[in-house]
Amino acid sequence: MSPESLRQPQESLPRIALGAPAPRFAGEDDELLPPRITAEGTLRRILISALKHFGQHGYHAASMRAIAKEAGMRASSMYEHRASKEDLLVELMVAGHEEIRDWLLEAKRSAGSPAADQVDAIVRADVRFHATYPLLARVCNRELGSLSPARLEQVMQVRNSLVHVISDAIDRGVRLGTFRIHDGYLAAAAIGAMGIRVAEWYTPATGYTVDEVAESYAAFALRLLGDGDLTPR
């Protein structure tokens, strides 16, 4: 990566330095949800509206009436599609966690067998997901505490499966002597936290492309694990 590719426009510095959140919505409504959420027509409008209200106001402040209004329907009609506000949140959170899990699994599979290559690919995919679907990612990570115990368990089963993708790659690298760390769990937590924050700060206005961020984060992760330097692979 050339020095020019690491540019940071002056006007973007306050946003990053102050930790200002990314814009509420990135892209058109149809780009807020991944293709796996294949609902069309009314149900898709409801899910998009729910995502926007949960992301902007938080789950508890969002109302079924407001969600229905933005979806262009009456609240009473919305119950024909989903029985409760929690049903909407769970549907979004399960789909979001399944989507990122599949991104990470595909990245790991495509990287081949070297542990360092697997981690490199997984971190890049993690960054790209959080930059592509930031609103969905923020809702998935912020609203876990809003779920009832039974629904939380449902979501956590999927969330834990995606955590295992990175932790298994790290543990394998430790066993093979590729990585020099004492606590794989903490390493996985630190690397995962880096990716989660991308959804909070990244916009093209920072002057970085998604690929540039992904390259640098992958290098940071490998450095943390004791493999390589801070130069992107």
Protein backbone atom coordinates (compact mmCIF):
# COMPACT_ATOMS: atom_id res chain seq x y z
CA MET A 1 0.00 0.00 0.00
CA SER A 2 1.45 3.36 -1.02
CA PRO A 3 1.62 6.37 1.32
CA GLU A 4 -0.99 8.04 -0.87
CA SER A 5 -3.41 5.19 -0.21
CA LEU A 6 -3.14 5.93 3.52
CA ARG A 7 -4.36 9.48 3.03
CA GLN A 8 -6.66 10.96 5.63
CA PRO A 9 -8.33 14.15 4.43
CA GLN A 10 -8.20 17.00 6.91
CA GLU A 11 -11.97 17.37 6.91
CA SER A 12 -12.36 13.77 8.08
CA LEU A 13 -10.08 14.12 11.11
CA PRO A 14 -12.68 15.53 13.54
CA ARG A 15 -15.09 12.71 12.71
CA ILE A 16 -12.50 10.03 13.51
CA ALA A 17 -10.87 11.80 16.44
CA LEU A 18 -14.17 12.42 18.19
CA GLY A 19 -15.56 8.99 17.42
CA ALA A 20 -18.57 10.49 15.68
CA PRO A 21 -21.00 7.86 14.42
CA ALA A 22 -21.37 7.09 10.76
CA PRO A 23 -24.48 8.46 9.03
CA ARG A 24 -27.68 6.74 10.12
CA PHE A 25 -28.38 5.13 6.76
CA ALA A 26 -25.94 4.20 4.02
CA GLY A 27 -27.28 3.70 0.51
CA GLU A 28 -30.81 3.15 -0.71
CA ASP A 29 -33.35 1.19 1.32
CA ASP A 30 -32.88 -1.91 -0.84
CA GLU A 31 -29.17 -1.90 0.08
CA LEU A 32 -29.75 -1.93 3.84
CA LEU A 33 -30.41 -5.67 3.99
CA PRO A 34 -28.45 -8.57 2.44
CA PRO A 35 -29.96 -10.71 -0.33
CA ARG A 36 -30.61 -13.60 2.10
CA ILE A 37 -33.55 -11.59 3.42
CA THR A 38 -35.57 -12.43 0.36
CA ALA A 39 -38.93 -11.15 1.53
CA GLU A 40 -40.55 -9.06 -1.16
CA GLY A 41 -43.28 -6.46 -1.16
CA THR A 42 -44.96 -5.65 2.13
CA LEU A 43 -42.85 -7.83 4.42
CA ARG A 44 -39.61 -6.45 3.02
CA ARG A 45 -40.85 -2.90 3.53
CA ILE A 46 -41.72 -3.77 7.13
CA LEU A 47 -38.27 -5.24 7.80
CA ILE A 48 -36.49 -2.25 6.28
CA SER A 49 -38.66 0.15 8.27
CA ALA A 50 -38.03 -1.81 11.47
CA LEU A 51 -34.28 -1.80 10.84
CA LYS A 52 -34.24 1.95 10.33
CA HIS A 53 -36.29 2.65 13.45
CA PHE A 54 -34.28 0.24 15.63
CA GLY A 55 -31.06 1.74 14.31
CA GLN A 56 -32.12 5.36 14.77
CA HIS A 57 -34.16 5.25 17.96
CA GLY A 58 -33.26 1.94 19.60
CA TYR A 59 -35.54 -1.05 20.01
CA HIS A 60 -37.44 0.14 23.07
CA ALA A 61 -38.13 3.62 21.67
CA ALA A 62 -39.33 2.31 18.31
CA SER A 63 -43.06 1.65 18.02
CA MET A 64 -45.03 -0.70 15.81
CA ARG A 65 -47.16 2.28 14.77
CA ALA A 66 -44.12 4.23 13.55
CA ILE A 67 -42.69 1.17 11.80
CA ALA A 68 -46.01 0.57 10.07
CA LYS A 69 -46.36 4.21 9.03
CA GLU A 70 -42.99 4.27 7.30
CA ALA A 71 -43.80 0.95 5.63
CA GLY A 72 -46.94 2.57 4.23
CA MET A 73 -49.56 0.63 6.16
CA ARG A 74 -51.67 0.59 9.29
CA ALA A 75 -50.28 -0.94 12.47
CA SER A 76 -53.21 -3.36 12.64
CA SER A 77 -52.36 -4.67 9.16
CA MET A 78 -48.73 -5.27 10.11
CA TYR A 79 -49.69 -7.93 12.63
CA GLU A 80 -50.81 -10.10 9.72
CA HIS A 81 -47.13 -10.41 8.79
CA ARG A 82 -45.35 -10.52 12.17
CA ALA A 83 -46.93 -10.92 15.59
CA SER A 84 -44.69 -8.58 17.57
CA LYS A 85 -41.91 -6.01 17.48
CA GLU A 86 -39.59 -8.61 18.99
CA ASP A 87 -40.33 -10.95 16.09
CA LEU A 88 -39.05 -8.26 13.73
CA LEU A 89 -35.91 -7.71 15.79
CA VAL A 90 -35.16 -11.43 16.02
CA GLU A 91 -35.67 -11.92 12.29
CA LEU A 92 -33.24 -9.12 11.52
CA MET A 93 -30.67 -10.27 14.08
CA VAL A 94 -30.72 -13.93 13.06
CA ALA A 95 -30.43 -13.03 9.38
CA GLY A 96 -27.63 -10.55 10.08
CA HIS A 97 -25.61 -13.02 12.14
CA GLU A 98 -26.16 -15.80 9.60
CA GLU A 99 -25.00 -13.49 6.82
CA ILE A 100 -21.72 -12.51 8.45
CA ARG A 101 -21.09 -16.10 9.56
CA ASP A 102 -21.40 -17.24 5.96
CA TRP A 103 -19.11 -14.44 4.76
CA LEU A 104 -16.46 -15.55 7.26
CA LEU A 105 -16.85 -19.25 6.45
CA GLU A 106 -16.50 -18.60 2.73
CA ALA A 107 -13.44 -16.42 3.33
CA LYS A 108 -11.83 -19.13 5.46
CA ARG A 109 -12.61 -21.81 2.88
CA SER A 110 -11.21 -19.75 0.02
CA ALA A 111 -7.99 -18.93 1.89
CA GLY A 112 -6.68 -22.49 1.90
CA SER A 113 -4.95 -24.20 4.80
CA PRO A 114 -2.32 -21.73 6.15
CA ALA A 115 -3.62 -20.31 9.43
CA ALA A 116 -2.29 -16.82 8.71
CA ASP A 117 -4.02 -16.76 5.34
CA GLN A 118 -7.27 -17.85 6.95
CA VAL A 119 -7.16 -15.11 9.58
CA ASP A 120 -6.21 -12.55 6.94
CA ALA A 121 -9.20 -13.52 4.80
CA ILE A 122 -11.61 -13.70 7.75
CA VAL A 123 -10.69 -10.23 9.00
CA ARG A 124 -11.04 -8.75 5.52
CA ALA A 125 -14.49 -10.32 5.16
CA ASP A 126 -15.49 -9.08 8.61
CA VAL A 127 -14.53 -5.51 7.73
CA ARG A 128 -16.33 -5.67 4.39
CA PHE A 129 -19.54 -6.92 6.00
CA HIS A 130 -19.58 -4.18 8.63
CA ALA A 131 -18.86 -1.53 5.99
CA THR A 132 -21.50 -2.91 3.60
CA TYR A 133 -24.34 -3.36 6.10
CA PRO A 134 -23.49 -0.93 8.93
CA LEU A 135 -27.04 -0.32 10.11
CA LEU A 136 -27.82 -4.03 10.32
CA ALA A 137 -24.51 -4.65 12.10
CA ARG A 138 -25.18 -1.91 14.64
CA VAL A 139 -28.63 -3.28 15.45
CA CYS A 140 -27.26 -6.83 15.76
CA ASN A 141 -24.58 -5.73 18.21
CA ARG A 142 -26.46 -3.11 20.20
CA GLU A 143 -29.81 -4.78 20.79
CA LEU A 144 -28.86 -8.15 22.28
CA GLY A 145 -29.94 -6.86 25.68
CA SER A 146 -33.40 -6.04 24.35
CA LEU A 147 -34.29 -9.68 23.71
CA SER A 148 -36.20 -11.94 26.06
CA PRO A 149 -34.12 -14.86 27.39
CA ALA A 150 -35.57 -17.42 24.97
CA ARG A 151 -35.09 -15.19 21.93
CA LEU A 152 -31.62 -14.18 23.09
CA GLU A 153 -30.64 -17.85 23.21
CA GLN A 154 -31.90 -18.25 19.65
CA VAL A 155 -29.76 -15.37 18.41
CA MET A 156 -26.71 -16.33 20.47
CA GLN A 157 -26.62 -19.80 18.92
CA VAL A 158 -25.95 -18.17 15.56
CA ARG A 159 -23.65 -15.50 17.02
CA ASN A 160 -21.51 -18.10 18.77
CA SER A 161 -21.17 -20.06 15.53
CA LEU A 162 -19.62 -17.07 13.79
CA VAL A 163 -17.31 -16.38 16.73
CA HIS A 164 -16.03 -19.93 16.40
CA VAL A 165 -14.93 -19.25 12.81
CA ILE A 166 -12.23 -16.79 13.88
CA SER A 167 -11.40 -18.45 17.21
CA ASP A 168 -10.93 -21.86 15.57
CA ALA A 169 -8.56 -20.35 12.99
CA ILE A 170 -6.57 -18.65 15.76
CA ASP A 171 -6.42 -21.79 17.92
CA ARG A 172 -5.22 -23.81 14.95
CA GLY A 173 -2.49 -21.26 14.26
CA VAL A 174 -1.36 -21.47 17.88
CA ARG A 175 -1.18 -25.27 17.73
CA LEU A 176 0.86 -25.10 14.53
CA GLY A 177 3.24 -22.51 15.97
CA THR A 178 2.17 -19.84 13.49
CA PHE A 179 0.81 -17.50 16.15
CA ARG A 180 2.59 -16.55 19.37
CA ILE A 181 -0.10 -15.66 21.87
CA HIS A 182 -1.08 -16.97 25.29
CA ASP A 183 -4.85 -16.43 25.17
CA GLY A 184 -6.69 -17.19 21.94
CA TYR A 185 -10.04 -16.13 23.37
CA LEU A 186 -8.87 -12.61 24.18
CA ALA A 187 -7.17 -12.34 20.79
CA ALA A 188 -10.39 -13.35 19.02
CA ALA A 189 -12.35 -10.86 21.14
CA ALA A 190 -9.96 -8.03 20.26
CA ILE A 191 -9.98 -8.82 16.55
CA GLY A 192 -13.75 -9.15 16.52
CA ALA A 193 -14.15 -5.82 18.29
CA MET A 194 -12.10 -4.10 15.58
CA GLY A 195 -14.52 -5.31 12.93
CA ILE A 196 -17.61 -4.35 14.91
CA ARG A 197 -16.39 -0.75 15.21
CA VAL A 198 -16.13 -0.37 11.44
CA ALA A 199 -19.94 -0.13 11.34
CA GLU A 200 -19.74 2.80 13.76
CA TRP A 201 -17.16 5.02 12.06
CA TYR A 202 -16.62 4.08 8.44
CA THR A 203 -17.94 6.13 5.55
CA PRO A 204 -16.33 6.84 2.16
CA ALA A 205 -15.97 10.44 3.39
CA THR A 206 -13.03 9.33 5.55
CA GLY A 207 -10.98 9.02 2.37
CA TYR A 208 -10.42 5.28 2.70
CA THR A 209 -11.88 2.59 0.50
CA VAL A 210 -13.33 -0.51 2.12
CA ASP A 211 -10.49 -2.58 0.67
CA GLU A 212 -7.89 -0.26 2.21
CA VAL A 213 -9.46 -0.60 5.63
CA ALA A 214 -9.75 -4.37 5.21
CA GLU A 215 -6.08 -4.69 4.23
CA SER A 216 -4.87 -2.65 7.19
CA TYR A 217 -7.12 -4.40 9.70
CA ALA A 218 -5.91 -7.79 8.49
CA ALA A 219 -2.32 -6.64 9.02
CA PHE A 220 -3.19 -5.35 12.50
CA ALA A 221 -4.79 -8.69 13.39
CA LEU A 222 -1.78 -10.72 12.26
CA ARG A 223 0.55 -8.42 14.16
CA LEU A 224 -1.56 -8.89 17.28
CA LEU A 225 -1.24 -12.65 16.84
CA GLY A 226 2.54 -12.44 16.50
CA ASP A 227 2.68 -13.11 12.77
CA GLY A 228 4.02 -10.59 10.27
CA ASP A 229 4.30 -6.82 10.53
CA LEU A 230 1.93 -3.93 10.01
CA THR A 231 2.38 -3.94 6.23
CA PRO A 232 -0.75 -5.25 4.48
CA ARG A 233 -0.26 -8.61 2.81
